[in-house]
Amino acid sequence: MVLDAGDEFVRVPLGLIALNWLRLYLPLIRESLPQTRRNVGGQGLGFAREGFRTLLSGVSASDLRIGARFTVDRAKVVHAALRDAARTIDQMPSNFMTYPMGGRILPVERGRLRGPPSIVELGTDYLTAFGWMLFESAPTPSPHLRFDVRFWCTSWGPDATGIWREFSPCPLAFAEYLLIGVAAYLFPDDLLNDEAVNRAASPS
């Protein structure tokens, strides 16, 4: 499905990216795993509209596979969920992931979708109708960063809500605190604390 038009970009169908977006989010939201501490389920997620909410009640991630075919009402639901996911990808991650001097890292070329179809087949023709996401080189399982990256991290407090409701929040906060400590030890020059100071620069 990847298109190499001979210019500086390799194009991946936006519908394919939206499809994998849905496949990743469906089990997370179904199990009420929060994206942030105040977000549980589909609340606050721009793509989680009527189509996606309907998928939650009767479609699994494995159902949304290449070659799958949906008809009538189920086709309209899948189409709506993919349309909303594609729009969110264009307006959020693609829009806000930019180079230091400006410009999208992963620009999008939107397609022109027709009305809700009575039949949806998750193949090349349908998924490319959503448009394309542009990569400067073919996607690889071993990507590398073009620029140095610095992260700010802070542990959750003892009153933070854990992602597993059957456990109290304190063990999760403690585990996260330990993970940040390990990360600071492994990457002393890269991980910054609340004062934007890394471990290597901190006084011993």
N, C-alpha and C. Protein backbone atom coordinates (compact mmCIF):
# COMPACT_ATOMS: atom_id res chain seq x y z
N MET A 1 0.80 -1.21 0.00
CA MET A 1 0.00 0.00 0.00
C MET A 1 0.84 1.27 0.00
N VAL A 2 2.12 1.16 0.31
CA VAL A 2 2.98 2.33 0.35
C VAL A 2 3.26 2.81 -1.06
N LEU A 3 3.17 4.13 -1.26
CA LEU A 3 3.36 4.71 -2.57
C LEU A 3 4.64 5.54 -2.59
N ASP A 4 5.54 5.23 -3.51
CA ASP A 4 6.74 6.02 -3.73
C ASP A 4 6.57 6.73 -5.07
N ALA A 5 6.24 8.03 -5.01
CA ALA A 5 5.95 8.79 -6.22
C ALA A 5 7.19 9.37 -6.86
N GLY A 6 8.36 9.08 -6.29
CA GLY A 6 9.59 9.57 -6.87
C GLY A 6 10.04 10.92 -6.36
N ASP A 7 9.24 11.55 -5.47
CA ASP A 7 9.67 12.82 -4.89
C ASP A 7 10.38 12.55 -3.57
N GLU A 8 10.42 13.53 -2.69
CA GLU A 8 11.16 13.37 -1.44
C GLU A 8 10.41 12.56 -0.39
N PHE A 9 9.15 12.20 -0.66
CA PHE A 9 8.34 11.53 0.35
C PHE A 9 7.93 10.13 -0.08
N VAL A 10 7.69 9.31 0.92
CA VAL A 10 7.02 8.03 0.76
C VAL A 10 5.64 8.18 1.39
N ARG A 11 4.60 7.81 0.69
CA ARG A 11 3.23 8.02 1.14
C ARG A 11 2.63 6.72 1.67
N VAL A 12 2.05 6.82 2.86
CA VAL A 12 1.35 5.69 3.49
C VAL A 12 -0.11 6.07 3.59
N PRO A 13 -1.04 5.18 3.22
CA PRO A 13 -2.46 5.54 3.26
C PRO A 13 -2.89 6.02 4.64
N LEU A 14 -3.54 7.18 4.68
CA LEU A 14 -4.03 7.71 5.94
C LEU A 14 -5.08 6.77 6.54
N GLY A 15 -5.85 6.11 5.69
CA GLY A 15 -6.83 5.15 6.19
C GLY A 15 -6.18 3.97 6.90
N LEU A 16 -5.01 3.56 6.43
CA LEU A 16 -4.29 2.46 7.09
C LEU A 16 -3.79 2.90 8.46
N ILE A 17 -3.30 4.13 8.56
CA ILE A 17 -2.84 4.65 9.85
C ILE A 17 -4.02 4.79 10.80
N ALA A 18 -5.16 5.29 10.29
CA ALA A 18 -6.36 5.42 11.12
C ALA A 18 -6.85 4.04 11.57
N LEU A 19 -6.74 3.05 10.71
CA LEU A 19 -7.16 1.70 11.07
C LEU A 19 -6.34 1.17 12.24
N ASN A 20 -5.02 1.33 12.18
CA ASN A 20 -4.18 0.87 13.27
C ASN A 20 -4.39 1.71 14.53
N TRP A 21 -4.72 2.98 14.35
CA TRP A 21 -5.08 3.85 15.48
C TRP A 21 -6.26 3.24 16.24
N LEU A 22 -7.30 2.86 15.51
CA LEU A 22 -8.48 2.24 16.13
C LEU A 22 -8.13 0.91 16.78
N ARG A 23 -7.32 0.11 16.11
CA ARG A 23 -6.94 -1.20 16.65
C ARG A 23 -6.19 -1.06 17.97
N LEU A 24 -5.39 -0.02 18.10
CA LEU A 24 -4.64 0.20 19.33
C LEU A 24 -5.51 0.74 20.46
N TYR A 25 -6.42 1.65 20.11
CA TYR A 25 -7.22 2.30 21.15
C TYR A 25 -8.39 1.45 21.63
N LEU A 26 -8.95 0.61 20.79
CA LEU A 26 -10.13 -0.17 21.19
C LEU A 26 -9.92 -0.95 22.49
N PRO A 27 -8.88 -1.79 22.60
CA PRO A 27 -8.71 -2.54 23.86
C PRO A 27 -8.37 -1.66 25.05
N LEU A 28 -7.65 -0.56 24.82
CA LEU A 28 -7.30 0.33 25.93
C LEU A 28 -8.53 1.00 26.52
N ILE A 29 -9.39 1.51 25.66
CA ILE A 29 -10.58 2.20 26.14
C ILE A 29 -11.60 1.21 26.67
N ARG A 30 -11.68 0.05 26.07
CA ARG A 30 -12.62 -0.97 26.55
C ARG A 30 -12.29 -1.38 27.98
N GLU A 31 -11.00 -1.37 28.33
CA GLU A 31 -10.57 -1.74 29.68
C GLU A 31 -10.44 -0.52 30.59
N SER A 32 -10.88 0.66 30.10
CA SER A 32 -10.85 1.89 30.90
C SER A 32 -9.46 2.29 31.35
N LEU A 33 -8.45 2.02 30.52
CA LEU A 33 -7.09 2.48 30.83
C LEU A 33 -6.99 3.95 30.44
N PRO A 34 -6.57 4.80 31.37
CA PRO A 34 -6.60 6.25 31.09
C PRO A 34 -5.44 6.69 30.22
N GLN A 35 -5.71 7.65 29.35
CA GLN A 35 -4.64 8.27 28.58
C GLN A 35 -3.91 9.29 29.44
N THR A 36 -4.64 9.97 30.30
CA THR A 36 -4.07 10.87 31.31
C THR A 36 -4.72 10.53 32.64
N ARG A 37 -4.27 11.18 33.69
CA ARG A 37 -4.81 10.87 35.02
C ARG A 37 -6.28 11.23 35.13
N ARG A 38 -6.76 12.18 34.33
CA ARG A 38 -8.15 12.60 34.41
C ARG A 38 -9.00 12.04 33.28
N ASN A 39 -8.42 11.21 32.46
CA ASN A 39 -9.14 10.68 31.31
C ASN A 39 -9.31 9.18 31.46
N VAL A 40 -10.55 8.72 31.54
CA VAL A 40 -10.86 7.30 31.61
C VAL A 40 -11.88 6.99 30.53
N GLY A 41 -11.65 5.93 29.79
CA GLY A 41 -12.56 5.60 28.70
C GLY A 41 -12.39 6.57 27.54
N GLY A 42 -13.49 6.82 26.84
CA GLY A 42 -13.42 7.67 25.66
C GLY A 42 -13.64 9.14 25.92
N GLN A 43 -13.80 9.52 27.19
CA GLN A 43 -14.05 10.93 27.50
C GLN A 43 -12.85 11.79 27.15
N GLY A 44 -13.10 12.86 26.42
CA GLY A 44 -12.05 13.80 26.09
C GLY A 44 -11.21 13.42 24.89
N LEU A 45 -11.52 12.30 24.24
CA LEU A 45 -10.77 11.88 23.06
C LEU A 45 -11.52 12.35 21.81
N GLY A 46 -10.86 13.16 20.99
CA GLY A 46 -11.53 13.79 19.87
C GLY A 46 -12.08 12.82 18.84
N PHE A 47 -11.46 11.66 18.70
CA PHE A 47 -11.91 10.71 17.70
C PHE A 47 -12.99 9.76 18.20
N ALA A 48 -13.20 9.73 19.53
CA ALA A 48 -14.14 8.77 20.12
C ALA A 48 -15.57 9.31 20.03
N ARG A 49 -16.08 9.36 18.82
CA ARG A 49 -17.43 9.84 18.59
C ARG A 49 -18.37 8.65 18.41
N GLU A 50 -19.51 8.90 17.81
CA GLU A 50 -20.54 7.87 17.74
C GLU A 50 -20.04 6.60 17.07
N GLY A 51 -19.29 6.73 15.98
CA GLY A 51 -18.79 5.55 15.29
C GLY A 51 -17.90 4.71 16.18
N PHE A 52 -16.94 5.33 16.85
CA PHE A 52 -16.03 4.58 17.71
C PHE A 52 -16.77 4.00 18.91
N ARG A 53 -17.68 4.75 19.50
CA ARG A 53 -18.43 4.24 20.65
C ARG A 53 -19.26 3.02 20.27
N THR A 54 -19.78 2.99 19.05
CA THR A 54 -20.52 1.82 18.60
C THR A 54 -19.60 0.63 18.40
N LEU A 55 -18.39 0.88 17.91
CA LEU A 55 -17.42 -0.21 17.75
C LEU A 55 -17.11 -0.87 19.09
N LEU A 56 -17.06 -0.07 20.15
CA LEU A 56 -16.74 -0.62 21.47
C LEU A 56 -17.70 -1.73 21.90
N SER A 57 -18.93 -1.63 21.43
CA SER A 57 -19.94 -2.58 21.91
C SER A 57 -19.98 -3.88 21.11
N GLY A 58 -19.29 -3.96 19.98
CA GLY A 58 -19.43 -5.20 19.22
C GLY A 58 -18.33 -5.53 18.24
N VAL A 59 -17.22 -4.78 18.25
CA VAL A 59 -16.14 -5.04 17.31
C VAL A 59 -14.82 -5.12 18.08
N SER A 60 -14.02 -6.14 17.80
CA SER A 60 -12.72 -6.27 18.45
C SER A 60 -11.64 -5.73 17.53
N ALA A 61 -10.46 -5.52 18.09
CA ALA A 61 -9.35 -5.03 17.30
C ALA A 61 -9.00 -6.00 16.17
N SER A 62 -9.12 -7.30 16.43
CA SER A 62 -8.79 -8.30 15.41
C SER A 62 -9.80 -8.30 14.28
N ASP A 63 -11.01 -7.80 14.52
CA ASP A 63 -12.00 -7.69 13.43
C ASP A 63 -11.58 -6.65 12.40
N LEU A 64 -10.82 -5.66 12.84
CA LEU A 64 -10.40 -4.57 11.95
C LEU A 64 -9.07 -4.93 11.29
N ARG A 65 -9.09 -5.92 10.46
CA ARG A 65 -7.88 -6.40 9.79
C ARG A 65 -7.97 -6.13 8.29
N ILE A 66 -6.82 -6.08 7.67
CA ILE A 66 -6.78 -5.87 6.22
C ILE A 66 -7.56 -6.98 5.52
N GLY A 67 -8.43 -6.57 4.60
CA GLY A 67 -9.25 -7.54 3.88
C GLY A 67 -10.61 -7.78 4.50
N ALA A 68 -10.83 -7.31 5.73
CA ALA A 68 -12.14 -7.51 6.37
C ALA A 68 -13.21 -6.74 5.60
N ARG A 69 -14.42 -7.28 5.63
CA ARG A 69 -15.53 -6.71 4.86
C ARG A 69 -16.73 -6.49 5.79
N PHE A 70 -17.31 -5.30 5.72
CA PHE A 70 -18.46 -4.96 6.54
C PHE A 70 -19.57 -4.44 5.64
N THR A 71 -20.80 -4.71 6.04
CA THR A 71 -21.94 -4.31 5.22
C THR A 71 -22.97 -3.54 6.04
N VAL A 72 -23.80 -2.80 5.34
CA VAL A 72 -24.96 -2.09 5.87
C VAL A 72 -24.58 -1.25 7.09
N ASP A 73 -25.24 -1.45 8.23
CA ASP A 73 -25.03 -0.60 9.40
C ASP A 73 -23.61 -0.69 9.94
N ARG A 74 -23.05 -1.91 9.97
CA ARG A 74 -21.68 -2.06 10.46
C ARG A 74 -20.68 -1.33 9.56
N ALA A 75 -20.94 -1.31 8.25
CA ALA A 75 -20.07 -0.58 7.33
C ALA A 75 -20.08 0.91 7.65
N LYS A 76 -21.25 1.46 7.92
CA LYS A 76 -21.36 2.88 8.24
C LYS A 76 -20.63 3.22 9.54
N VAL A 77 -20.71 2.31 10.51
CA VAL A 77 -20.04 2.55 11.80
C VAL A 77 -18.53 2.53 11.62
N VAL A 78 -18.00 1.53 10.91
CA VAL A 78 -16.56 1.44 10.67
C VAL A 78 -16.08 2.66 9.89
N HIS A 79 -16.84 3.05 8.88
CA HIS A 79 -16.48 4.21 8.07
C HIS A 79 -16.43 5.49 8.92
N ALA A 80 -17.42 5.68 9.77
CA ALA A 80 -17.46 6.87 10.63
C ALA A 80 -16.29 6.88 11.60
N ALA A 81 -15.96 5.73 12.18
CA ALA A 81 -14.85 5.66 13.14
C ALA A 81 -13.52 5.95 12.45
N LEU A 82 -13.32 5.42 11.25
CA LEU A 82 -12.09 5.68 10.51
C LEU A 82 -12.00 7.14 10.08
N ARG A 83 -13.11 7.70 9.65
CA ARG A 83 -13.14 9.10 9.24
C ARG A 83 -12.75 10.01 10.40
N ASP A 84 -13.32 9.76 11.60
CA ASP A 84 -13.02 10.59 12.76
C ASP A 84 -11.58 10.41 13.22
N ALA A 85 -11.06 9.17 13.14
CA ALA A 85 -9.67 8.93 13.52
C ALA A 85 -8.72 9.64 12.55
N ALA A 86 -9.02 9.57 11.25
CA ALA A 86 -8.17 10.23 10.25
C ALA A 86 -8.16 11.74 10.47
N ARG A 87 -9.31 12.31 10.78
CA ARG A 87 -9.40 13.75 11.03
C ARG A 87 -8.57 14.12 12.27
N THR A 88 -8.67 13.32 13.32
CA THR A 88 -7.92 13.60 14.54
C THR A 88 -6.43 13.49 14.30
N ILE A 89 -5.99 12.50 13.55
CA ILE A 89 -4.56 12.34 13.24
C ILE A 89 -4.04 13.57 12.50
N ASP A 90 -4.83 14.08 11.58
CA ASP A 90 -4.42 15.26 10.81
C ASP A 90 -4.39 16.51 11.68
N GLN A 91 -5.39 16.67 12.54
CA GLN A 91 -5.52 17.90 13.32
C GLN A 91 -4.68 17.91 14.60
N MET A 92 -4.30 16.73 15.10
CA MET A 92 -3.57 16.69 16.36
C MET A 92 -2.11 16.25 16.19
N PRO A 93 -1.78 14.95 16.17
CA PRO A 93 -0.36 14.59 16.13
C PRO A 93 0.36 15.10 14.90
N SER A 94 -0.25 14.98 13.73
CA SER A 94 0.42 15.47 12.52
C SER A 94 0.61 16.99 12.57
N ASN A 95 -0.35 17.68 13.13
CA ASN A 95 -0.31 19.14 13.17
C ASN A 95 0.70 19.67 14.19
N PHE A 96 0.83 18.98 15.31
CA PHE A 96 1.66 19.51 16.39
C PHE A 96 3.06 18.89 16.45
N MET A 97 3.32 17.83 15.70
CA MET A 97 4.67 17.29 15.61
C MET A 97 5.40 18.05 14.51
N THR A 98 6.26 18.99 14.90
CA THR A 98 6.90 19.86 13.93
C THR A 98 8.42 19.87 14.13
N TYR A 99 9.12 20.30 13.10
CA TYR A 99 10.57 20.49 13.18
C TYR A 99 10.87 21.75 13.98
N PRO A 100 12.09 21.87 14.52
CA PRO A 100 12.43 23.05 15.31
C PRO A 100 12.20 24.37 14.57
N MET A 101 12.41 24.36 13.26
CA MET A 101 12.22 25.58 12.48
C MET A 101 10.83 25.68 11.87
N GLY A 102 9.93 24.79 12.26
CA GLY A 102 8.57 24.81 11.75
C GLY A 102 8.37 23.79 10.64
N GLY A 103 7.12 23.50 10.35
CA GLY A 103 6.80 22.52 9.32
C GLY A 103 6.52 21.16 9.93
N ARG A 104 5.50 20.49 9.43
CA ARG A 104 5.12 19.19 9.97
C ARG A 104 6.19 18.13 9.67
N ILE A 105 6.44 17.28 10.66
CA ILE A 105 7.33 16.14 10.46
C ILE A 105 6.62 15.07 9.61
N LEU A 106 5.35 14.88 9.88
CA LEU A 106 4.55 13.89 9.15
C LEU A 106 3.34 14.60 8.54
N PRO A 107 3.53 15.30 7.43
CA PRO A 107 2.40 16.01 6.82
C PRO A 107 1.36 15.05 6.26
N VAL A 108 0.17 15.56 6.09
CA VAL A 108 -0.96 14.76 5.62
C VAL A 108 -1.54 15.39 4.36
N GLU A 109 -1.87 14.54 3.40
CA GLU A 109 -2.64 14.95 2.23
C GLU A 109 -4.01 14.30 2.35
N ARG A 110 -5.02 15.10 2.62
CA ARG A 110 -6.36 14.56 2.84
C ARG A 110 -7.02 14.17 1.52
N GLY A 111 -7.75 13.07 1.53
CA GLY A 111 -8.51 12.65 0.38
C GLY A 111 -9.93 13.19 0.45
N ARG A 112 -10.72 12.88 -0.56
CA ARG A 112 -12.12 13.31 -0.59
C ARG A 112 -13.01 12.08 -0.45
N LEU A 113 -13.59 11.94 0.72
CA LEU A 113 -14.45 10.80 0.99
C LEU A 113 -15.87 11.06 0.53
N ARG A 114 -16.51 10.04 0.04
CA ARG A 114 -17.92 10.14 -0.29
C ARG A 114 -18.74 9.85 0.96
N GLY A 115 -20.06 9.83 0.81
CA GLY A 115 -20.94 9.56 1.93
C GLY A 115 -20.74 8.16 2.47
N PRO A 116 -21.37 7.83 3.60
CA PRO A 116 -21.21 6.51 4.20
C PRO A 116 -21.56 5.40 3.21
N PRO A 117 -20.65 4.47 2.95
CA PRO A 117 -20.91 3.40 2.00
C PRO A 117 -21.74 2.28 2.63
N SER A 118 -22.41 1.50 1.79
CA SER A 118 -23.16 0.34 2.27
C SER A 118 -22.26 -0.87 2.45
N ILE A 119 -21.09 -0.84 1.81
CA ILE A 119 -20.11 -1.91 1.94
C ILE A 119 -18.73 -1.28 2.16
N VAL A 120 -18.02 -1.74 3.17
CA VAL A 120 -16.66 -1.31 3.44
C VAL A 120 -15.76 -2.52 3.40
N GLU A 121 -14.77 -2.49 2.54
CA GLU A 121 -13.75 -3.53 2.48
C GLU A 121 -12.41 -2.89 2.77
N LEU A 122 -11.74 -3.36 3.81
CA LEU A 122 -10.50 -2.74 4.26
C LEU A 122 -9.34 -3.16 3.36
N GLY A 123 -9.33 -2.57 2.18
CA GLY A 123 -8.29 -2.84 1.20
C GLY A 123 -7.66 -1.56 0.72
N THR A 124 -6.80 -1.68 -0.29
CA THR A 124 -6.03 -0.54 -0.77
C THR A 124 -6.91 0.60 -1.27
N ASP A 125 -7.89 0.29 -2.13
CA ASP A 125 -8.72 1.35 -2.72
C ASP A 125 -9.45 2.15 -1.66
N TYR A 126 -10.00 1.45 -0.67
CA TYR A 126 -10.78 2.15 0.35
C TYR A 126 -9.87 2.96 1.27
N LEU A 127 -8.78 2.37 1.74
CA LEU A 127 -7.93 3.04 2.73
C LEU A 127 -7.17 4.22 2.13
N THR A 128 -6.84 4.17 0.85
CA THR A 128 -6.17 5.30 0.23
C THR A 128 -7.12 6.45 -0.05
N ALA A 129 -8.43 6.20 -0.04
CA ALA A 129 -9.41 7.27 -0.28
C ALA A 129 -9.38 8.31 0.83
N PHE A 130 -8.87 7.97 2.00
CA PHE A 130 -8.79 8.91 3.10
C PHE A 130 -7.66 9.92 2.89
N GLY A 131 -6.72 9.60 2.05
CA GLY A 131 -5.57 10.45 1.82
C GLY A 131 -4.28 9.74 2.15
N TRP A 132 -3.25 10.53 2.42
CA TRP A 132 -1.91 9.96 2.65
C TRP A 132 -1.22 10.68 3.80
N MET A 133 -0.37 9.95 4.50
CA MET A 133 0.59 10.55 5.42
C MET A 133 1.96 10.42 4.79
N LEU A 134 2.74 11.49 4.83
CA LEU A 134 4.00 11.55 4.10
C LEU A 134 5.18 11.33 5.04
N PHE A 135 6.05 10.40 4.66
CA PHE A 135 7.28 10.11 5.40
C PHE A 135 8.47 10.47 4.50
N GLU A 136 9.56 10.96 5.12
CA GLU A 136 10.73 11.29 4.33
C GLU A 136 11.47 10.05 3.87
N SER A 137 11.21 8.93 4.51
CA SER A 137 11.75 7.65 4.07
C SER A 137 10.76 6.58 4.47
N ALA A 138 10.93 5.40 3.95
CA ALA A 138 9.99 4.32 4.24
C ALA A 138 9.99 4.01 5.73
N PRO A 139 8.83 3.78 6.34
CA PRO A 139 8.78 3.40 7.76
C PRO A 139 9.64 2.17 8.03
N THR A 140 10.30 2.17 9.16
CA THR A 140 11.21 1.09 9.51
C THR A 140 10.96 0.64 10.94
N PRO A 141 11.17 -0.64 11.25
CA PRO A 141 11.01 -1.09 12.65
C PRO A 141 12.10 -0.57 13.56
N SER A 142 13.14 0.06 13.00
CA SER A 142 14.24 0.59 13.81
C SER A 142 14.45 2.07 13.49
N PRO A 143 13.48 2.93 13.86
CA PRO A 143 13.62 4.36 13.54
C PRO A 143 14.69 5.02 14.40
N HIS A 144 15.19 6.15 13.97
CA HIS A 144 16.16 6.90 14.74
C HIS A 144 15.76 8.37 14.75
N LEU A 145 16.18 9.06 15.80
CA LEU A 145 15.85 10.47 15.97
C LEU A 145 16.82 11.33 15.16
N ARG A 146 16.28 12.34 14.50
CA ARG A 146 17.12 13.26 13.74
C ARG A 146 17.64 14.39 14.63
N PHE A 147 16.98 14.62 15.76
CA PHE A 147 17.37 15.71 16.65
C PHE A 147 17.41 15.18 18.08
N ASP A 148 18.24 15.83 18.92
CA ASP A 148 18.28 15.47 20.33
C ASP A 148 16.93 15.76 20.98
N VAL A 149 16.53 14.91 21.90
CA VAL A 149 15.24 15.05 22.58
C VAL A 149 15.48 15.08 24.08
N ARG A 150 14.80 15.99 24.76
CA ARG A 150 14.88 16.08 26.22
C ARG A 150 13.47 15.92 26.80
N PHE A 151 13.36 15.22 27.93
CA PHE A 151 12.06 14.95 28.52
C PHE A 151 12.00 15.49 29.94
N TRP A 152 10.83 16.00 30.32
CA TRP A 152 10.54 16.35 31.71
C TRP A 152 9.66 15.25 32.28
N CYS A 153 10.00 14.72 33.44
CA CYS A 153 9.21 13.65 34.05
C CYS A 153 8.97 13.98 35.51
N THR A 154 7.84 13.54 35.99
CA THR A 154 7.53 13.66 37.42
C THR A 154 6.67 12.47 37.81
N SER A 155 6.86 11.97 39.01
CA SER A 155 6.09 10.81 39.44
C SER A 155 4.69 11.23 39.88
N TRP A 156 3.75 10.28 39.81
CA TRP A 156 2.40 10.54 40.29
C TRP A 156 2.43 10.59 41.81
N GLY A 157 1.61 11.44 42.37
CA GLY A 157 1.53 11.55 43.82
C GLY A 157 0.77 10.39 44.44
N PRO A 158 0.78 10.29 45.75
CA PRO A 158 0.10 9.17 46.42
C PRO A 158 -1.41 9.18 46.25
N ASP A 159 -1.99 10.32 45.86
CA ASP A 159 -3.43 10.39 45.68
C ASP A 159 -3.84 10.23 44.22
N ALA A 160 -2.87 9.92 43.34
CA ALA A 160 -3.18 9.78 41.91
C ALA A 160 -3.99 8.51 41.67
N THR A 161 -4.82 8.54 40.65
CA THR A 161 -5.64 7.38 40.32
C THR A 161 -4.81 6.37 39.54
N GLY A 162 -4.80 5.13 39.98
CA GLY A 162 -4.09 4.08 39.27
C GLY A 162 -4.89 3.58 38.09
N ILE A 163 -4.21 2.91 37.15
CA ILE A 163 -4.91 2.40 35.97
C ILE A 163 -5.59 1.07 36.24
N TRP A 164 -5.23 0.39 37.33
CA TRP A 164 -5.90 -0.85 37.71
C TRP A 164 -6.74 -0.56 38.97
N ARG A 165 -8.03 -0.61 38.81
CA ARG A 165 -8.92 -0.18 39.89
C ARG A 165 -8.85 -1.08 41.11
N GLU A 166 -8.46 -2.36 40.90
CA GLU A 166 -8.45 -3.28 42.04
C GLU A 166 -7.27 -3.04 42.97
N PHE A 167 -6.29 -2.21 42.52
CA PHE A 167 -5.14 -1.91 43.37
C PHE A 167 -5.22 -0.46 43.85
N SER A 168 -4.62 -0.21 44.99
CA SER A 168 -4.57 1.17 45.47
C SER A 168 -3.57 1.95 44.63
N PRO A 169 -3.68 3.28 44.62
CA PRO A 169 -2.81 4.08 43.74
C PRO A 169 -1.36 4.14 44.17
N CYS A 170 -1.07 3.94 45.46
CA CYS A 170 0.30 4.11 45.93
C CYS A 170 1.32 3.19 45.25
N PRO A 171 1.05 1.89 45.09
CA PRO A 171 2.04 1.04 44.44
C PRO A 171 2.38 1.50 43.03
N LEU A 172 1.40 2.01 42.30
CA LEU A 172 1.66 2.49 40.95
C LEU A 172 2.55 3.72 40.98
N ALA A 173 2.28 4.64 41.89
CA ALA A 173 3.10 5.84 42.00
C ALA A 173 4.54 5.46 42.37
N PHE A 174 4.68 4.49 43.26
CA PHE A 174 6.01 4.07 43.68
C PHE A 174 6.76 3.40 42.53
N ALA A 175 6.03 2.58 41.75
CA ALA A 175 6.65 1.91 40.61
C ALA A 175 7.12 2.94 39.58
N GLU A 176 6.29 3.95 39.36
CA GLU A 176 6.67 4.98 38.40
C GLU A 176 7.88 5.76 38.91
N TYR A 177 7.91 6.00 40.20
CA TYR A 177 9.05 6.70 40.79
C TYR A 177 10.33 5.91 40.57
N LEU A 178 10.26 4.59 40.76
CA LEU A 178 11.42 3.75 40.54
C LEU A 178 11.86 3.75 39.08
N LEU A 179 10.87 3.72 38.17
CA LEU A 179 11.19 3.72 36.75
C LEU A 179 11.90 5.02 36.34
N ILE A 180 11.44 6.14 36.89
CA ILE A 180 12.10 7.41 36.59
C ILE A 180 13.53 7.40 37.12
N GLY A 181 13.73 6.79 38.29
CA GLY A 181 15.08 6.68 38.83
C GLY A 181 15.99 5.85 37.95
N VAL A 182 15.45 4.73 37.44
CA VAL A 182 16.23 3.87 36.54
C VAL A 182 16.56 4.63 35.25
N ALA A 183 15.55 5.35 34.71
CA ALA A 183 15.77 6.10 33.48
C ALA A 183 16.83 7.18 33.68
N ALA A 184 16.80 7.85 34.84
CA ALA A 184 17.79 8.89 35.13
C ALA A 184 19.19 8.30 35.23
N TYR A 185 19.27 7.07 35.75
CA TYR A 185 20.58 6.41 35.86
C TYR A 185 21.10 5.99 34.49
N LEU A 186 20.21 5.48 33.63
CA LEU A 186 20.62 5.02 32.31
C LEU A 186 20.90 6.17 31.34
N PHE A 187 20.14 7.27 31.51
CA PHE A 187 20.29 8.42 30.61
C PHE A 187 20.55 9.69 31.41
N PRO A 188 21.69 9.77 32.08
CA PRO A 188 21.94 10.90 32.98
C PRO A 188 22.02 12.25 32.27
N ASP A 189 22.34 12.25 30.99
CA ASP A 189 22.46 13.52 30.26
C ASP A 189 21.17 13.95 29.61
N ASP A 190 20.17 13.08 29.58
CA ASP A 190 18.98 13.36 28.79
C ASP A 190 17.72 13.61 29.63
N LEU A 191 17.60 12.96 30.78
CA LEU A 191 16.38 13.09 31.57
C LEU A 191 16.50 14.29 32.50
N LEU A 192 15.51 15.18 32.44
CA LEU A 192 15.53 16.40 33.23
C LEU A 192 14.52 16.32 34.37
N ASN A 193 14.84 16.97 35.50
CA ASN A 193 13.89 17.02 36.59
C ASN A 193 12.99 18.25 36.45
N ASP A 194 12.21 18.55 37.48
CA ASP A 194 11.28 19.68 37.41
C ASP A 194 11.99 21.01 37.19
N GLU A 195 13.25 21.10 37.60
CA GLU A 195 14.00 22.35 37.43
C GLU A 195 14.80 22.34 36.13
N ALA A 196 14.52 21.37 35.25
CA ALA A 196 15.20 21.25 33.96
C ALA A 196 16.70 21.01 34.14
N VAL A 197 17.08 20.26 35.18
CA VAL A 197 18.48 19.91 35.43
C VAL A 197 18.62 18.40 35.29
N ASN A 198 19.61 17.95 34.55
CA ASN A 198 19.78 16.51 34.41
C ASN A 198 20.67 15.96 35.53
N ARG A 199 20.72 14.64 35.59
CA ARG A 199 21.44 13.99 36.68
C ARG A 199 22.93 14.33 36.64
N ALA A 200 23.47 14.40 35.41
CA ALA A 200 24.91 14.66 35.29
C ALA A 200 25.29 16.04 35.82
N ALA A 201 24.34 16.99 35.69
CA ALA A 201 24.62 18.35 36.14
C ALA A 201 24.25 18.57 37.61
N SER A 202 23.55 17.61 38.23
CA SER A 202 23.14 17.78 39.62
C SER A 202 24.33 17.61 40.56
N PRO A 203 24.37 18.35 41.65
CA PRO A 203 25.48 18.19 42.61
C PRO A 203 25.39 16.84 43.28
N SER A 204 26.52 16.22 43.52
CA SER A 204 26.56 14.90 44.15
C SER A 204 26.43 15.04 45.66
